[in-house]
Amino acid sequence: MSACLHDTRRDNIFIGGFMCSGKTSVGSELARRLGWTFTDTDRAIEERAGMTVPEIFSILGEPAFRRYEFAAVAGALEGSRQVVSLGGGALVNEELRGMVLSRAKLVILDVRPETVLSRAEKQKGARPLLDGGNVRALMIRRRPAYAHCHIRVATDEFPVSSVTDKILEDLYGTAAVLWSVESPFPGITGRDRSPAAAGRPSSPSWYREPSVPAHPQGTLPRR
């Protein structure tokens, strides 16, 4: 079983998951709904390096990209009221994964291999680690990196708006959220239900428990 923790106190939301799971699209929509800032760490890396992600991999190599990535994620953790989309391999770094889990709300977007292949076909050359057609092997290697989170959502059959609804429902008990800069929590519309009163909703029909191995060091405690 994976460990999905629930804690609505954090005011940064990080979106993780495998490549082509929809992290950028969902992250930007979630930020729009909350009125928060959106950051895509891959774009931040490109701005800092002065070249695209494929160029960094080709010219500087993956170790150089991972150094840029660590700096970008660590910098994002210093902000507040933001939604941050992570690169597919960011959480492989155990130190970085621990930093995100302890200092932000981590949402993992699950996706099946066939969905990744279908979406990647439309973006050939944009994802260096997928060019060898090793999607399934890479997903297996990365399972431990995605095993711990605060919220988990399967994205294969759902449009961006529905995935965003599901994240907000798990955070606040309803997708009808209006953000107020004066309040530490979003306001709830449509139902008389505050985040504190909502608590942790029961497992909704769209929730899918992923079949991933437990972390070798055991599950994280609920916070």
C-alpha atoms as a PDB file:
ATOM      1  CA  MET A   1       0.000   0.000   0.000  1.00  0.00           C
ATOM      2  CA  SER A   2       1.142   3.533  -0.654  1.00  0.00           C
ATOM      3  CA  ALA A   3       1.054   6.147   2.062  1.00  0.00           C
ATOM      4  CA  CYS A   4      -1.264   9.049   1.316  1.00  0.00           C
ATOM      5  CA  LEU A   5      -1.126  11.636   4.059  1.00  0.00           C
ATOM      6  CA  HIS A   6      -3.741  14.307   4.655  1.00  0.00           C
ATOM      7  CA  ASP A   7      -2.945  17.734   6.067  1.00  0.00           C
ATOM      8  CA  THR A   8      -4.750  20.900   4.909  1.00  0.00           C
ATOM      9  CA  ARG A   9      -2.463  23.267   6.828  1.00  0.00           C
ATOM     10  CA  ARG A  10       0.184  23.622   4.131  1.00  0.00           C
ATOM     11  CA  ASP A  11      -0.191  26.493   1.658  1.00  0.00           C
ATOM     12  CA  ASN A  12       1.974  25.067  -1.150  1.00  0.00           C
ATOM     13  CA  ILE A  13       0.785  22.246  -3.397  1.00  0.00           C
ATOM     14  CA  PHE A  14       3.324  20.240  -5.407  1.00  0.00           C
ATOM     15  CA  ILE A  15       2.166  18.039  -8.288  1.00  0.00           C
ATOM     16  CA  GLY A  16       4.249  14.921  -8.956  1.00  0.00           C
ATOM     17  CA  GLY A  17       3.977  11.798 -11.050  1.00  0.00           C
ATOM     18  CA  PHE A  18       5.298  10.127 -14.155  1.00  0.00           C
ATOM     19  CA  MET A  19       5.850  11.957 -17.433  1.00  0.00           C
ATOM     20  CA  CYS A  20       2.662  12.720 -19.378  1.00  0.00           C
ATOM     21  CA  SER A  21       0.458  12.299 -16.301  1.00  0.00           C
ATOM     22  CA  GLY A  22      -0.853  15.861 -16.731  1.00  0.00           C
ATOM     23  CA  LYS A  23       1.121  17.660 -14.009  1.00  0.00           C
ATOM     24  CA  THR A  24       1.515  20.968 -15.855  1.00  0.00           C
ATOM     25  CA  SER A  25      -2.070  21.121 -17.139  1.00  0.00           C
ATOM     26  CA  VAL A  26      -3.607  20.144 -13.800  1.00  0.00           C
ATOM     27  CA  GLY A  27      -1.213  22.327 -11.818  1.00  0.00           C
ATOM     28  CA  SER A  28      -1.973  25.442 -13.835  1.00  0.00           C
ATOM     29  CA  GLU A  29      -5.742  24.854 -13.572  1.00  0.00           C
ATOM     30  CA  LEU A  30      -5.510  24.215  -9.827  1.00  0.00           C
ATOM     31  CA  ALA A  31      -3.521  27.418  -9.358  1.00  0.00           C
ATOM     32  CA  ARG A  32      -6.088  29.349 -11.413  1.00  0.00           C
ATOM     33  CA  ARG A  33      -8.950  28.033  -9.274  1.00  0.00           C
ATOM     34  CA  LEU A  34      -7.165  28.881  -6.014  1.00  0.00           C
ATOM     35  CA  GLY A  35      -5.822  32.233  -7.210  1.00  0.00           C
ATOM     36  CA  TRP A  36      -2.291  31.044  -6.430  1.00  0.00           C
ATOM     37  CA  THR A  37       0.958  31.316  -8.391  1.00  0.00           C
ATOM     38  CA  PHE A  38       1.829  28.453 -10.740  1.00  0.00           C
ATOM     39  CA  THR A  39       5.406  27.261 -11.270  1.00  0.00           C
ATOM     40  CA  ASP A  40       6.573  24.564 -13.671  1.00  0.00           C
ATOM     41  CA  THR A  41      10.036  23.493 -12.484  1.00  0.00           C
ATOM     42  CA  ASP A  42      11.078  22.344 -15.971  1.00  0.00           C
ATOM     43  CA  ARG A  43      10.354  25.827 -17.328  1.00  0.00           C
ATOM     44  CA  ALA A  44      12.204  27.381 -14.396  1.00  0.00           C
ATOM     45  CA  ILE A  45      15.201  25.167 -15.176  1.00  0.00           C
ATOM     46  CA  GLU A  46      15.122  26.161 -18.834  1.00  0.00           C
ATOM     47  CA  GLU A  47      15.111  29.837 -17.910  1.00  0.00           C
ATOM     48  CA  ARG A  48      18.051  29.383 -15.544  1.00  0.00           C
ATOM     49  CA  ALA A  49      20.083  27.227 -17.935  1.00  0.00           C
ATOM     50  CA  GLY A  50      19.276  29.189 -21.066  1.00  0.00           C
ATOM     51  CA  MET A  51      18.412  26.009 -22.986  1.00  0.00           C
ATOM     52  CA  THR A  52      15.577  23.505 -23.268  1.00  0.00           C
ATOM     53  CA  VAL A  53      15.349  20.346 -21.160  1.00  0.00           C
ATOM     54  CA  PRO A  54      16.270  18.118 -24.162  1.00  0.00           C
ATOM     55  CA  GLU A  55      19.277  20.372 -24.836  1.00  0.00           C
ATOM     56  CA  ILE A  56      20.402  20.141 -21.207  1.00  0.00           C
ATOM     57  CA  PHE A  57      20.245  16.328 -21.360  1.00  0.00           C
ATOM     58  CA  SER A  58      22.047  16.257 -24.699  1.00  0.00           C
ATOM     59  CA  ILE A  59      24.772  18.833 -24.012  1.00  0.00           C
ATOM     60  CA  LEU A  60      25.282  18.800 -20.242  1.00  0.00           C
ATOM     61  CA  GLY A  61      23.929  15.366 -19.327  1.00  0.00           C
ATOM     62  CA  GLU A  62      21.334  14.151 -16.842  1.00  0.00           C
ATOM     63  CA  PRO A  63      23.471  14.799 -13.694  1.00  0.00           C
ATOM     64  CA  ALA A  64      23.639  18.489 -14.615  1.00  0.00           C
ATOM     65  CA  PHE A  65      19.885  18.568 -15.166  1.00  0.00           C
ATOM     66  CA  ARG A  66      19.284  16.991 -11.747  1.00  0.00           C
ATOM     67  CA  ARG A  67      21.417  19.675 -10.093  1.00  0.00           C
ATOM     68  CA  TYR A  68      19.339  22.376 -11.784  1.00  0.00           C
ATOM     69  CA  GLU A  69      16.212  20.517 -10.722  1.00  0.00           C
ATOM     70  CA  PHE A  70      17.213  20.270  -7.071  1.00  0.00           C
ATOM     71  CA  ALA A  71      17.879  24.021  -6.968  1.00  0.00           C
ATOM     72  CA  ALA A  72      14.557  24.819  -8.678  1.00  0.00           C
ATOM     73  CA  VAL A  73      12.481  22.661  -6.323  1.00  0.00           C
ATOM     74  CA  ALA A  74      14.311  23.847  -3.204  1.00  0.00           C
ATOM     75  CA  GLY A  75      13.724  27.431  -4.301  1.00  0.00           C
ATOM     76  CA  ALA A  76      10.021  26.799  -4.904  1.00  0.00           C
ATOM     77  CA  LEU A  77       9.658  25.427  -1.374  1.00  0.00           C
ATOM     78  CA  GLU A  78      10.604  28.848  -0.043  1.00  0.00           C
ATOM     79  CA  GLY A  79       7.473  30.409  -1.540  1.00  0.00           C
ATOM     80  CA  SER A  80       3.857  30.289  -0.403  1.00  0.00           C
ATOM     81  CA  ARG A  81       0.385  30.021  -1.916  1.00  0.00           C
ATOM     82  CA  GLN A  82       1.678  28.384  -5.050  1.00  0.00           C
ATOM     83  CA  VAL A  83       1.103  25.256  -7.097  1.00  0.00           C
ATOM     84  CA  VAL A  84       4.317  23.679  -8.374  1.00  0.00           C
ATOM     85  CA  SER A  85       4.557  21.106 -11.153  1.00  0.00           C
ATOM     86  CA  LEU A  86       7.522  18.756 -10.699  1.00  0.00           C
ATOM     87  CA  GLY A  87       9.493  16.950 -13.375  1.00  0.00           C
ATOM     88  CA  GLY A  88       8.803  13.225 -13.604  1.00  0.00           C
ATOM     89  CA  GLY A  89      12.135  12.284 -12.014  1.00  0.00           C
ATOM     90  CA  ALA A  90      12.330  14.933  -9.297  1.00  0.00           C
ATOM     91  CA  LEU A  91      10.993  12.698  -6.532  1.00  0.00           C
ATOM     92  CA  VAL A  92      13.552   9.981  -7.244  1.00  0.00           C
ATOM     93  CA  ASN A  93      15.964  12.070  -5.163  1.00  0.00           C
ATOM     94  CA  GLU A  94      15.205  10.918  -1.611  1.00  0.00           C
ATOM     95  CA  GLU A  95      16.394  14.143   0.000  1.00  0.00           C
ATOM     96  CA  LEU A  96      14.263  16.255  -2.317  1.00  0.00           C
ATOM     97  CA  ARG A  97      11.268  13.954  -1.834  1.00  0.00           C
ATOM     98  CA  GLY A  98      11.546  14.296   1.937  1.00  0.00           C
ATOM     99  CA  MET A  99      11.723  18.078   1.654  1.00  0.00           C
ATOM    100  CA  VAL A 100       8.554  18.231  -0.444  1.00  0.00           C
ATOM    101  CA  LEU A 101       6.609  15.815   1.784  1.00  0.00           C
ATOM    102  CA  SER A 102       7.508  17.709   4.951  1.00  0.00           C
ATOM    103  CA  ARG A 103       7.059  21.264   3.668  1.00  0.00           C
ATOM    104  CA  ALA A 104       4.233  21.104   1.108  1.00  0.00           C
ATOM    105  CA  LYS A 105       1.139  19.174   0.126  1.00  0.00           C
ATOM    106  CA  LEU A 106       2.190  16.543  -2.438  1.00  0.00           C
ATOM    107  CA  VAL A 107      -0.326  15.366  -5.031  1.00  0.00           C
ATOM    108  CA  ILE A 108       0.634  12.354  -7.155  1.00  0.00           C
ATOM    109  CA  LEU A 109      -1.069  11.904 -10.516  1.00  0.00           C
ATOM    110  CA  ASP A 110      -1.220   8.238 -11.512  1.00  0.00           C
ATOM    111  CA  VAL A 111      -1.184   7.216 -15.159  1.00  0.00           C
ATOM    112  CA  ARG A 112      -1.035   3.893 -17.006  1.00  0.00           C
ATOM    113  CA  PRO A 113       1.830   3.036 -19.423  1.00  0.00           C
ATOM    114  CA  GLU A 114      -0.455   2.961 -22.454  1.00  0.00           C
ATOM    115  CA  THR A 115      -1.706   6.455 -21.631  1.00  0.00           C
ATOM    116  CA  VAL A 116       1.870   7.716 -21.356  1.00  0.00           C
ATOM    117  CA  LEU A 117       2.746   6.205 -24.740  1.00  0.00           C
ATOM    118  CA  SER A 118      -0.327   7.733 -26.376  1.00  0.00           C
ATOM    119  CA  ARG A 119       0.354  11.206 -24.971  1.00  0.00           C
ATOM    120  CA  ALA A 120       4.113  11.045 -25.620  1.00  0.00           C
ATOM    121  CA  GLU A 121       3.490  10.210 -29.278  1.00  0.00           C
ATOM    122  CA  LYS A 122       2.214  13.774 -29.689  1.00  0.00           C
ATOM    123  CA  GLN A 123       5.373  15.264 -28.109  1.00  0.00           C
ATOM    124  CA  LYS A 124       8.235  13.373 -29.743  1.00  0.00           C
ATOM    125  CA  GLY A 125      11.657  14.749 -28.810  1.00  0.00           C
ATOM    126  CA  ALA A 126      10.347  16.740 -25.853  1.00  0.00           C
ATOM    127  CA  ARG A 127      10.956  13.996 -23.268  1.00  0.00           C
ATOM    128  CA  PRO A 128      14.505  12.613 -23.571  1.00  0.00           C
ATOM    129  CA  LEU A 129      14.043   9.690 -21.174  1.00  0.00           C
ATOM    130  CA  LEU A 130      11.103   8.329 -23.197  1.00  0.00           C
ATOM    131  CA  ASP A 131      12.826   8.338 -26.570  1.00  0.00           C
ATOM    132  CA  GLY A 132      14.105   4.781 -26.090  1.00  0.00           C
ATOM    133  CA  GLY A 133      10.610   3.371 -25.667  1.00  0.00           C
ATOM    134  CA  ASN A 134      11.365   2.232 -22.121  1.00  0.00           C
ATOM    135  CA  VAL A 135       8.190   3.529 -20.494  1.00  0.00           C
ATOM    136  CA  ARG A 136       7.202   0.423 -18.543  1.00  0.00           C
ATOM    137  CA  ALA A 137      10.720  -0.272 -17.231  1.00  0.00           C
ATOM    138  CA  LEU A 138      11.145   3.356 -16.173  1.00  0.00           C
ATOM    139  CA  MET A 139       7.760   3.401 -14.431  1.00  0.00           C
ATOM    140  CA  ILE A 140       8.694   0.298 -12.437  1.00  0.00           C
ATOM    141  CA  ARG A 141      11.996   1.858 -11.348  1.00  0.00           C
ATOM    142  CA  ARG A 142      10.220   5.030 -10.240  1.00  0.00           C
ATOM    143  CA  ARG A 143       7.386   3.417  -8.250  1.00  0.00           C
ATOM    144  CA  PRO A 144       9.134   3.980  -4.892  1.00  0.00           C
ATOM    145  CA  ALA A 145       9.475   7.692  -5.716  1.00  0.00           C
ATOM    146  CA  TYR A 146       5.691   8.012  -6.112  1.00  0.00           C
ATOM    147  CA  ALA A 147       4.718   5.713  -3.231  1.00  0.00           C
ATOM    148  CA  HIS A 148       4.213   8.459  -0.629  1.00  0.00           C
ATOM    149  CA  CYS A 149       1.954  11.468  -1.025  1.00  0.00           C
ATOM    150  CA  HIS A 150      -0.848  13.436   0.601  1.00  0.00           C
ATOM    151  CA  ILE A 151      -3.336  13.013  -2.271  1.00  0.00           C
ATOM    152  CA  ARG A 152      -3.378  10.534  -5.172  1.00  0.00           C
ATOM    153  CA  VAL A 153      -5.537  10.797  -8.293  1.00  0.00           C
ATOM    154  CA  ALA A 154      -5.715   8.567 -11.385  1.00  0.00           C
ATOM    155  CA  THR A 155      -5.782  10.738 -14.523  1.00  0.00           C
ATOM    156  CA  ASP A 156      -6.188   8.336 -17.446  1.00  0.00           C
ATOM    157  CA  GLU A 157      -9.902   8.743 -18.174  1.00  0.00           C
ATOM    158  CA  PHE A 158     -10.451  12.219 -16.740  1.00  0.00           C
ATOM    159  CA  PRO A 159     -10.136  15.694 -18.287  1.00  0.00           C
ATOM    160  CA  VAL A 160      -8.068  18.358 -16.516  1.00  0.00           C
ATOM    161  CA  SER A 161     -11.127  20.011 -14.975  1.00  0.00           C
ATOM    162  CA  SER A 162     -12.310  16.743 -13.403  1.00  0.00           C
ATOM    163  CA  VAL A 163      -8.877  15.911 -11.985  1.00  0.00           C
ATOM    164  CA  THR A 164      -8.718  19.397 -10.497  1.00  0.00           C
ATOM    165  CA  ASP A 165     -12.181  18.935  -8.981  1.00  0.00           C
ATOM    166  CA  LYS A 166     -11.019  15.708  -7.360  1.00  0.00           C
ATOM    167  CA  ILE A 167      -7.950  17.319  -5.823  1.00  0.00           C
ATOM    168  CA  LEU A 168     -10.025  20.170  -4.390  1.00  0.00           C
ATOM    169  CA  GLU A 169     -12.596  17.709  -3.043  1.00  0.00           C
ATOM    170  CA  ASP A 170      -9.893  15.797  -1.209  1.00  0.00           C
ATOM    171  CA  LEU A 171      -8.387  19.035   0.112  1.00  0.00           C
ATOM    172  CA  TYR A 172     -11.544  20.852   1.171  1.00  0.00           C
ATOM    173  CA  GLY A 173     -14.466  18.463   0.778  1.00  0.00           C
ATOM    174  CA  THR A 174     -15.836  20.264  -2.294  1.00  0.00           C
ATOM    175  CA  ALA A 175     -14.611  21.505  -5.668  1.00  0.00           C
ATOM    176  CA  ALA A 176     -16.542  24.785  -5.196  1.00  0.00           C
ATOM    177  CA  VAL A 177     -13.664  26.853  -3.849  1.00  0.00           C
ATOM    178  CA  LEU A 178     -13.136  30.602  -3.893  1.00  0.00           C
ATOM    179  CA  TRP A 179      -9.824  31.922  -2.587  1.00  0.00           C
ATOM    180  CA  SER A 180      -9.640  35.015  -0.395  1.00  0.00           C
ATOM    181  CA  VAL A 181      -6.280  36.696   0.217  1.00  0.00           C
ATOM    182  CA  GLU A 182      -7.471  37.718   3.693  1.00  0.00           C
ATOM    183  CA  SER A 183      -8.105  34.141   4.808  1.00  0.00           C
ATOM    184  CA  PRO A 184      -5.628  31.327   5.425  1.00  0.00           C
ATOM    185  CA  PHE A 185      -8.112  28.878   3.910  1.00  0.00           C
ATOM    186  CA  PRO A 186     -10.206  28.963   0.717  1.00  0.00           C
ATOM    187  CA  GLY A 187     -13.858  29.788   1.146  1.00  0.00           C
ATOM    188  CA  ILE A 188     -16.401  27.120   0.289  1.00  0.00           C
ATOM    189  CA  THR A 189     -19.276  27.932  -2.059  1.00  0.00           C
ATOM    190  CA  GLY A 190     -22.463  26.040  -2.763  1.00  0.00           C
ATOM    191  CA  ARG A 191     -22.480  24.189   0.578  1.00  0.00           C
ATOM    192  CA  ASP A 192     -22.219  25.363   4.165  1.00  0.00           C
ATOM    193  CA  ARG A 193     -19.066  23.395   4.819  1.00  0.00           C
ATOM    194  CA  SER A 194     -15.776  24.834   6.023  1.00  0.00           C
ATOM    195  CA  PRO A 195     -12.443  23.024   5.543  1.00  0.00           C
ATOM    196  CA  ALA A 196     -12.305  22.336   9.278  1.00  0.00           C
ATOM    197  CA  ALA A 197     -15.816  20.899   9.288  1.00  0.00           C
ATOM    198  CA  ALA A 198     -15.216  18.960   6.100  1.00  0.00           C
ATOM    199  CA  GLY A 199     -12.258  17.019   7.462  1.00  0.00           C
ATOM    200  CA  ARG A 200     -11.020  14.123   5.400  1.00  0.00           C
ATOM    201  CA  PRO A 201     -13.798  12.944   3.058  1.00  0.00           C
ATOM    202  CA  SER A 202     -14.503   9.235   2.729  1.00  0.00           C
ATOM    203  CA  SER A 203     -12.918   7.521  -0.282  1.00  0.00           C
ATOM    204  CA  PRO A 204     -14.898   8.842  -3.292  1.00  0.00           C
ATOM    205  CA  SER A 205     -15.825   6.742  -6.313  1.00  0.00           C
ATOM    206  CA  TRP A 206     -12.991   8.138  -8.443  1.00  0.00           C
ATOM    207  CA  TYR A 207     -10.221   7.207  -5.994  1.00  0.00           C
ATOM    208  CA  ARG A 208      -8.015   4.316  -7.171  1.00  0.00           C
ATOM    209  CA  GLU A 209      -5.503   2.789  -4.763  1.00  0.00           C
ATOM    210  CA  PRO A 210      -2.368   2.140  -6.837  1.00  0.00           C
ATOM    211  CA  SER A 211      -0.704  -1.250  -6.758  1.00  0.00           C
ATOM    212  CA  VAL A 212       2.792  -0.142  -5.796  1.00  0.00           C
ATOM    213  CA  PRO A 213       5.192  -1.722  -3.312  1.00  0.00           C
ATOM    214  CA  ALA A 214       5.552  -0.163   0.114  1.00  0.00           C
ATOM    215  CA  HIS A 215       8.617   1.936   0.770  1.00  0.00           C
ATOM    216  CA  PRO A 216      11.387  -0.279   2.211  1.00  0.00           C
ATOM    217  CA  GLN A 217      11.548   1.895   5.292  1.00  0.00           C
ATOM    218  CA  GLY A 218       7.810   1.560   5.919  1.00  0.00           C
ATOM    219  CA  THR A 219       4.899   3.941   5.534  1.00  0.00           C
ATOM    220  CA  LEU A 220       4.983   7.501   6.667  1.00  0.00           C
ATOM    221  CA  PRO A 221       2.953   8.463   9.736  1.00  0.00           C
ATOM    222  CA  ARG A 222      -0.238  10.396   9.274  1.00  0.00           C
ATOM    223  CA  ARG A 223       0.185  14.065  10.037  1.00  0.00           C
END
